[in-house]
Amino acid sequence: MAHGISETTRLGRWLHWIFEASLLLKGLFAAAETLSGLALLGLPGNAVLRFAEWLTQRELTEDPHDAIATALLNAAQQFSIQTQSFYGFYFTSHGALKLVVVILLMRGVLWAYPAALALLSAFVVYQLYLWTHHHAISMLLLSALDILVIALTWREWHARFGLALRAPPK
């Protein structure tokens, strides 16, 4: 029992189910992120630009001032080989770290719980740092999801391993 919520109560079972569902989602996102990073690392240097040109060619032929197509093409033109390498490495390492932690949590490895709390907390700090510079709502949403997973991981860790905070005996 952790913080007064037993695994045998309806709320305890529901929180455990939410924890497992969040791990599954985190694992799927981490796998997709890792594969995306590996794809970026494996692509030739100009593949992103060629794909953007192919994708926008028809639309820009019909309407040379199309805002979305123009923005996509401009973004691809700014996507240098160095940027591609950075994002490839970042996505691969970020996704692989999360995937390893998720697998260890799913297996119930004790030290994975504090490791996950530290790793996810670091991600939240970094995502909020990015938000202060770019004001991308996605960083706030990712941070909110990570904070929820942190709370669920903390609760699960205490519930599973009997680490509930208790008052010292008198």
C-alpha atoms as a PDB file:
ATOM      1  CA  MET A   1       0.000   0.000   0.000  1.00  0.00           C
ATOM      2  CA  ALA A   2       1.398   3.405  -0.976  1.00  0.00           C
ATOM      3  CA  HIS A   3       0.098   6.702   0.260  1.00  0.00           C
ATOM      4  CA  GLY A   4      -3.090   5.014   1.451  1.00  0.00           C
ATOM      5  CA  ILE A   5      -4.072   3.553  -1.951  1.00  0.00           C
ATOM      6  CA  SER A   6      -3.966  -0.228  -1.890  1.00  0.00           C
ATOM      7  CA  GLU A   7      -3.497  -2.269  -5.051  1.00  0.00           C
ATOM      8  CA  THR A   8      -6.651  -4.122  -4.075  1.00  0.00           C
ATOM      9  CA  THR A   9      -8.873  -1.044  -4.254  1.00  0.00           C
ATOM     10  CA  ARG A  10     -10.575   0.053  -7.439  1.00  0.00           C
ATOM     11  CA  LEU A  11      -8.494   3.261  -7.502  1.00  0.00           C
ATOM     12  CA  GLY A  12      -5.272   1.310  -6.910  1.00  0.00           C
ATOM     13  CA  ARG A  13      -6.029  -1.091  -9.773  1.00  0.00           C
ATOM     14  CA  TRP A  14      -7.011   1.825 -12.027  1.00  0.00           C
ATOM     15  CA  LEU A  15      -3.778   3.716 -11.273  1.00  0.00           C
ATOM     16  CA  HIS A  16      -1.763   0.560 -11.957  1.00  0.00           C
ATOM     17  CA  TRP A  17      -3.566   0.117 -15.286  1.00  0.00           C
ATOM     18  CA  ILE A  18      -2.891   3.778 -16.198  1.00  0.00           C
ATOM     19  CA  PHE A  19       0.787   3.249 -15.321  1.00  0.00           C
ATOM     20  CA  GLU A  20       1.019   0.209 -17.595  1.00  0.00           C
ATOM     21  CA  ALA A  21      -0.844   1.996 -20.413  1.00  0.00           C
ATOM     22  CA  SER A  22       1.479   4.997 -20.111  1.00  0.00           C
ATOM     23  CA  LEU A  23       4.487   2.661 -20.318  1.00  0.00           C
ATOM     24  CA  LEU A  24       3.072   1.083 -23.458  1.00  0.00           C
ATOM     25  CA  LEU A  25       2.537   4.512 -25.055  1.00  0.00           C
ATOM     26  CA  LYS A  26       5.987   5.711 -23.967  1.00  0.00           C
ATOM     27  CA  GLY A  27       7.486   2.523 -25.390  1.00  0.00           C
ATOM     28  CA  LEU A  28       5.728   2.959 -28.738  1.00  0.00           C
ATOM     29  CA  PHE A  29       6.796   6.620 -28.957  1.00  0.00           C
ATOM     30  CA  ALA A  30      10.352   5.702 -27.959  1.00  0.00           C
ATOM     31  CA  ALA A  31      10.522   2.982 -30.623  1.00  0.00           C
ATOM     32  CA  ALA A  32       9.187   5.370 -33.281  1.00  0.00           C
ATOM     33  CA  GLU A  33      11.657   8.049 -32.168  1.00  0.00           C
ATOM     34  CA  THR A  34      14.567   5.595 -32.302  1.00  0.00           C
ATOM     35  CA  LEU A  35      13.579   4.372 -35.764  1.00  0.00           C
ATOM     36  CA  SER A  36      13.152   7.967 -36.972  1.00  0.00           C
ATOM     37  CA  GLY A  37      16.623   8.809 -35.713  1.00  0.00           C
ATOM     38  CA  LEU A  38      18.128   5.774 -37.402  1.00  0.00           C
ATOM     39  CA  ALA A  39      16.342   6.723 -40.628  1.00  0.00           C
ATOM     40  CA  LEU A  40      17.765  10.249 -40.460  1.00  0.00           C
ATOM     41  CA  LEU A  41      21.247   8.842 -39.864  1.00  0.00           C
ATOM     42  CA  GLY A  42      20.860   6.483 -42.811  1.00  0.00           C
ATOM     43  CA  LEU A  43      19.459   8.983 -45.314  1.00  0.00           C
ATOM     44  CA  PRO A  44      21.701  10.647 -47.879  1.00  0.00           C
ATOM     45  CA  GLY A  45      22.376  14.302 -47.060  1.00  0.00           C
ATOM     46  CA  ASN A  46      19.915  15.820 -49.518  1.00  0.00           C
ATOM     47  CA  ALA A  47      17.098  13.261 -49.149  1.00  0.00           C
ATOM     48  CA  VAL A  48      14.963  15.524 -46.930  1.00  0.00           C
ATOM     49  CA  LEU A  49      15.159  18.377 -49.454  1.00  0.00           C
ATOM     50  CA  ARG A  50      14.417  16.051 -52.384  1.00  0.00           C
ATOM     51  CA  PHE A  51      11.404  14.624 -50.547  1.00  0.00           C
ATOM     52  CA  ALA A  52      10.097  18.131 -49.736  1.00  0.00           C
ATOM     53  CA  GLU A  53      10.547  19.192 -53.373  1.00  0.00           C
ATOM     54  CA  TRP A  54       8.688  16.097 -54.570  1.00  0.00           C
ATOM     55  CA  LEU A  55       5.929  16.626 -51.996  1.00  0.00           C
ATOM     56  CA  THR A  56       5.384  20.325 -52.787  1.00  0.00           C
ATOM     57  CA  GLN A  57       6.086  20.388 -56.531  1.00  0.00           C
ATOM     58  CA  ARG A  58       2.500  19.920 -57.713  1.00  0.00           C
ATOM     59  CA  GLU A  59       1.010  22.342 -55.185  1.00  0.00           C
ATOM     60  CA  LEU A  60       3.573  25.053 -55.913  1.00  0.00           C
ATOM     61  CA  THR A  61       3.010  24.615 -59.669  1.00  0.00           C
ATOM     62  CA  GLU A  62      -0.707  25.253 -59.143  1.00  0.00           C
ATOM     63  CA  ASP A  63      -0.250  27.989 -56.531  1.00  0.00           C
ATOM     64  CA  PRO A  64       3.301  29.366 -56.195  1.00  0.00           C
ATOM     65  CA  HIS A  65       2.256  31.298 -53.070  1.00  0.00           C
ATOM     66  CA  ASP A  66       0.816  28.340 -51.125  1.00  0.00           C
ATOM     67  CA  ALA A  67       1.864  29.098 -47.523  1.00  0.00           C
ATOM     68  CA  ILE A  68       2.137  25.514 -46.270  1.00  0.00           C
ATOM     69  CA  ALA A  69       4.051  24.181 -49.261  1.00  0.00           C
ATOM     70  CA  THR A  70       6.365  27.201 -49.255  1.00  0.00           C
ATOM     71  CA  ALA A  71       7.030  26.860 -45.515  1.00  0.00           C
ATOM     72  CA  LEU A  72       7.749  23.127 -45.872  1.00  0.00           C
ATOM     73  CA  LEU A  73      10.143  23.707 -48.751  1.00  0.00           C
ATOM     74  CA  ASN A  74      11.897  26.551 -46.913  1.00  0.00           C
ATOM     75  CA  ALA A  75      12.283  24.399 -43.799  1.00  0.00           C
ATOM     76  CA  ALA A  76      13.758  21.563 -45.879  1.00  0.00           C
ATOM     77  CA  GLN A  77      16.197  23.989 -47.521  1.00  0.00           C
ATOM     78  CA  GLN A  78      17.401  25.043 -44.054  1.00  0.00           C
ATOM     79  CA  PHE A  79      17.780  21.400 -42.964  1.00  0.00           C
ATOM     80  CA  SER A  80      21.547  20.989 -43.371  1.00  0.00           C
ATOM     81  CA  ILE A  81      23.515  17.753 -43.232  1.00  0.00           C
ATOM     82  CA  GLN A  82      24.774  18.819 -39.796  1.00  0.00           C
ATOM     83  CA  THR A  83      21.200  19.393 -38.614  1.00  0.00           C
ATOM     84  CA  GLN A  84      20.179  16.016 -40.011  1.00  0.00           C
ATOM     85  CA  SER A  85      23.078  14.327 -38.203  1.00  0.00           C
ATOM     86  CA  PHE A  86      22.255  16.113 -34.940  1.00  0.00           C
ATOM     87  CA  TYR A  87      18.575  15.129 -35.050  1.00  0.00           C
ATOM     88  CA  GLY A  88      19.465  11.603 -36.130  1.00  0.00           C
ATOM     89  CA  PHE A  89      21.774  11.191 -33.145  1.00  0.00           C
ATOM     90  CA  TYR A  90      19.377  12.986 -30.776  1.00  0.00           C
ATOM     91  CA  PHE A  91      16.291  10.971 -31.751  1.00  0.00           C
ATOM     92  CA  THR A  92      18.191   7.683 -31.727  1.00  0.00           C
ATOM     93  CA  SER A  93      19.794   8.203 -28.321  1.00  0.00           C
ATOM     94  CA  HIS A  94      16.747   9.873 -26.712  1.00  0.00           C
ATOM     95  CA  GLY A  95      14.402   7.166 -27.983  1.00  0.00           C
ATOM     96  CA  ALA A  96      16.739   4.291 -27.124  1.00  0.00           C
ATOM     97  CA  LEU A  97      17.225   5.562 -23.551  1.00  0.00           C
ATOM     98  CA  LYS A  98      13.471   5.813 -23.033  1.00  0.00           C
ATOM     99  CA  LEU A  99      12.902   2.402 -24.613  1.00  0.00           C
ATOM    100  CA  VAL A 100      15.432   0.730 -22.289  1.00  0.00           C
ATOM    101  CA  VAL A 101      13.873   2.383 -19.228  1.00  0.00           C
ATOM    102  CA  VAL A 102      10.354   1.371 -20.321  1.00  0.00           C
ATOM    103  CA  ILE A 103      11.428  -2.249 -20.838  1.00  0.00           C
ATOM    104  CA  LEU A 104      13.123  -2.328 -17.418  1.00  0.00           C
ATOM    105  CA  LEU A 105      10.036  -0.832 -15.769  1.00  0.00           C
ATOM    106  CA  MET A 106       7.783  -3.363 -17.493  1.00  0.00           C
ATOM    107  CA  ARG A 107      10.033  -6.124 -16.141  1.00  0.00           C
ATOM    108  CA  GLY A 108       9.801  -4.634 -12.631  1.00  0.00           C
ATOM    109  CA  VAL A 109      13.538  -3.975 -12.171  1.00  0.00           C
ATOM    110  CA  LEU A 110      13.844  -2.060  -8.880  1.00  0.00           C
ATOM    111  CA  TRP A 111      16.626   0.379  -9.861  1.00  0.00           C
ATOM    112  CA  ALA A 112      14.768   1.312 -13.059  1.00  0.00           C
ATOM    113  CA  TYR A 113      12.176   3.262 -11.059  1.00  0.00           C
ATOM    114  CA  PRO A 114      14.533   5.935  -9.665  1.00  0.00           C
ATOM    115  CA  ALA A 115      16.424   5.912 -12.983  1.00  0.00           C
ATOM    116  CA  ALA A 116      13.169   6.579 -14.852  1.00  0.00           C
ATOM    117  CA  LEU A 117      12.266   9.369 -12.434  1.00  0.00           C
ATOM    118  CA  ALA A 118      15.661  11.028 -12.952  1.00  0.00           C
ATOM    119  CA  LEU A 119      15.620  10.577 -16.739  1.00  0.00           C
ATOM    120  CA  LEU A 120      12.061  11.826 -17.196  1.00  0.00           C
ATOM    121  CA  SER A 121      12.720  14.772 -14.879  1.00  0.00           C
ATOM    122  CA  ALA A 122      15.752  15.709 -16.983  1.00  0.00           C
ATOM    123  CA  PHE A 123      13.606  15.493 -20.133  1.00  0.00           C
ATOM    124  CA  VAL A 124      10.976  17.765 -18.545  1.00  0.00           C
ATOM    125  CA  VAL A 125      13.613  20.344 -17.619  1.00  0.00           C
ATOM    126  CA  TYR A 126      15.063  20.256 -21.148  1.00  0.00           C
ATOM    127  CA  GLN A 127      11.626  20.416 -22.809  1.00  0.00           C
ATOM    128  CA  LEU A 128      10.641  23.410 -20.672  1.00  0.00           C
ATOM    129  CA  TYR A 129      13.972  25.039 -21.528  1.00  0.00           C
ATOM    130  CA  LEU A 130      13.169  24.544 -25.221  1.00  0.00           C
ATOM    131  CA  TRP A 131       9.691  25.946 -24.650  1.00  0.00           C
ATOM    132  CA  THR A 132      11.149  29.155 -23.199  1.00  0.00           C
ATOM    133  CA  HIS A 133      13.033  29.677 -26.472  1.00  0.00           C
ATOM    134  CA  HIS A 134      10.565  28.462 -29.096  1.00  0.00           C
ATOM    135  CA  HIS A 135       7.163  28.538 -27.335  1.00  0.00           C
ATOM    136  CA  ALA A 136       6.157  25.301 -29.048  1.00  0.00           C
ATOM    137  CA  ILE A 137       3.002  23.946 -27.412  1.00  0.00           C
ATOM    138  CA  SER A 138       4.311  20.433 -28.145  1.00  0.00           C
ATOM    139  CA  MET A 139       7.016  20.943 -25.488  1.00  0.00           C
ATOM    140  CA  LEU A 140       4.372  21.777 -22.887  1.00  0.00           C
ATOM    141  CA  LEU A 141       2.269  18.765 -23.883  1.00  0.00           C
ATOM    142  CA  LEU A 142       5.276  16.415 -23.765  1.00  0.00           C
ATOM    143  CA  SER A 143       6.250  17.858 -20.390  1.00  0.00           C
ATOM    144  CA  ALA A 144       2.720  17.374 -19.027  1.00  0.00           C
ATOM    145  CA  LEU A 145       2.715  13.747 -20.224  1.00  0.00           C
ATOM    146  CA  ASP A 146       6.147  13.159 -18.699  1.00  0.00           C
ATOM    147  CA  ILE A 147       5.036  14.703 -15.381  1.00  0.00           C
ATOM    148  CA  LEU A 148       2.031  12.362 -15.348  1.00  0.00           C
ATOM    149  CA  VAL A 149       4.311   9.377 -16.039  1.00  0.00           C
ATOM    150  CA  ILE A 150       6.693  10.582 -13.295  1.00  0.00           C
ATOM    151  CA  ALA A 151       3.814  10.674 -10.789  1.00  0.00           C
ATOM    152  CA  LEU A 152       2.562   7.250 -11.870  1.00  0.00           C
ATOM    153  CA  THR A 153       6.091   5.790 -11.760  1.00  0.00           C
ATOM    154  CA  TRP A 154       6.652   7.197  -8.264  1.00  0.00           C
ATOM    155  CA  ARG A 155       3.363   5.726  -7.082  1.00  0.00           C
ATOM    156  CA  GLU A 156       4.000   2.360  -8.747  1.00  0.00           C
ATOM    157  CA  TRP A 157       7.525   2.166  -7.305  1.00  0.00           C
ATOM    158  CA  HIS A 158       6.214   2.726  -3.802  1.00  0.00           C
ATOM    159  CA  ALA A 159       3.229   0.415  -4.258  1.00  0.00           C
ATOM    160  CA  ARG A 160       5.259  -2.452  -5.750  1.00  0.00           C
ATOM    161  CA  PHE A 161       8.220  -2.428  -3.445  1.00  0.00           C
ATOM    162  CA  GLY A 162       6.585  -1.347  -0.196  1.00  0.00           C
ATOM    163  CA  LEU A 163       8.455   1.915  -0.068  1.00  0.00           C
ATOM    164  CA  ALA A 164       5.482   3.883   1.170  1.00  0.00           C
ATOM    165  CA  LEU A 165       6.396   6.925   3.191  1.00  0.00           C
ATOM    166  CA  ARG A 166       5.430   6.169   6.757  1.00  0.00           C
ATOM    167  CA  ALA A 167       5.770   8.009  10.007  1.00  0.00           C
ATOM    168  CA  PRO A 168       8.552   6.592  12.167  1.00  0.00           C
ATOM    169  CA  PRO A 169       7.342   4.168  14.853  1.00  0.00           C
ATOM    170  CA  LYS A 170       6.912   5.650  18.351  1.00  0.00           C
END
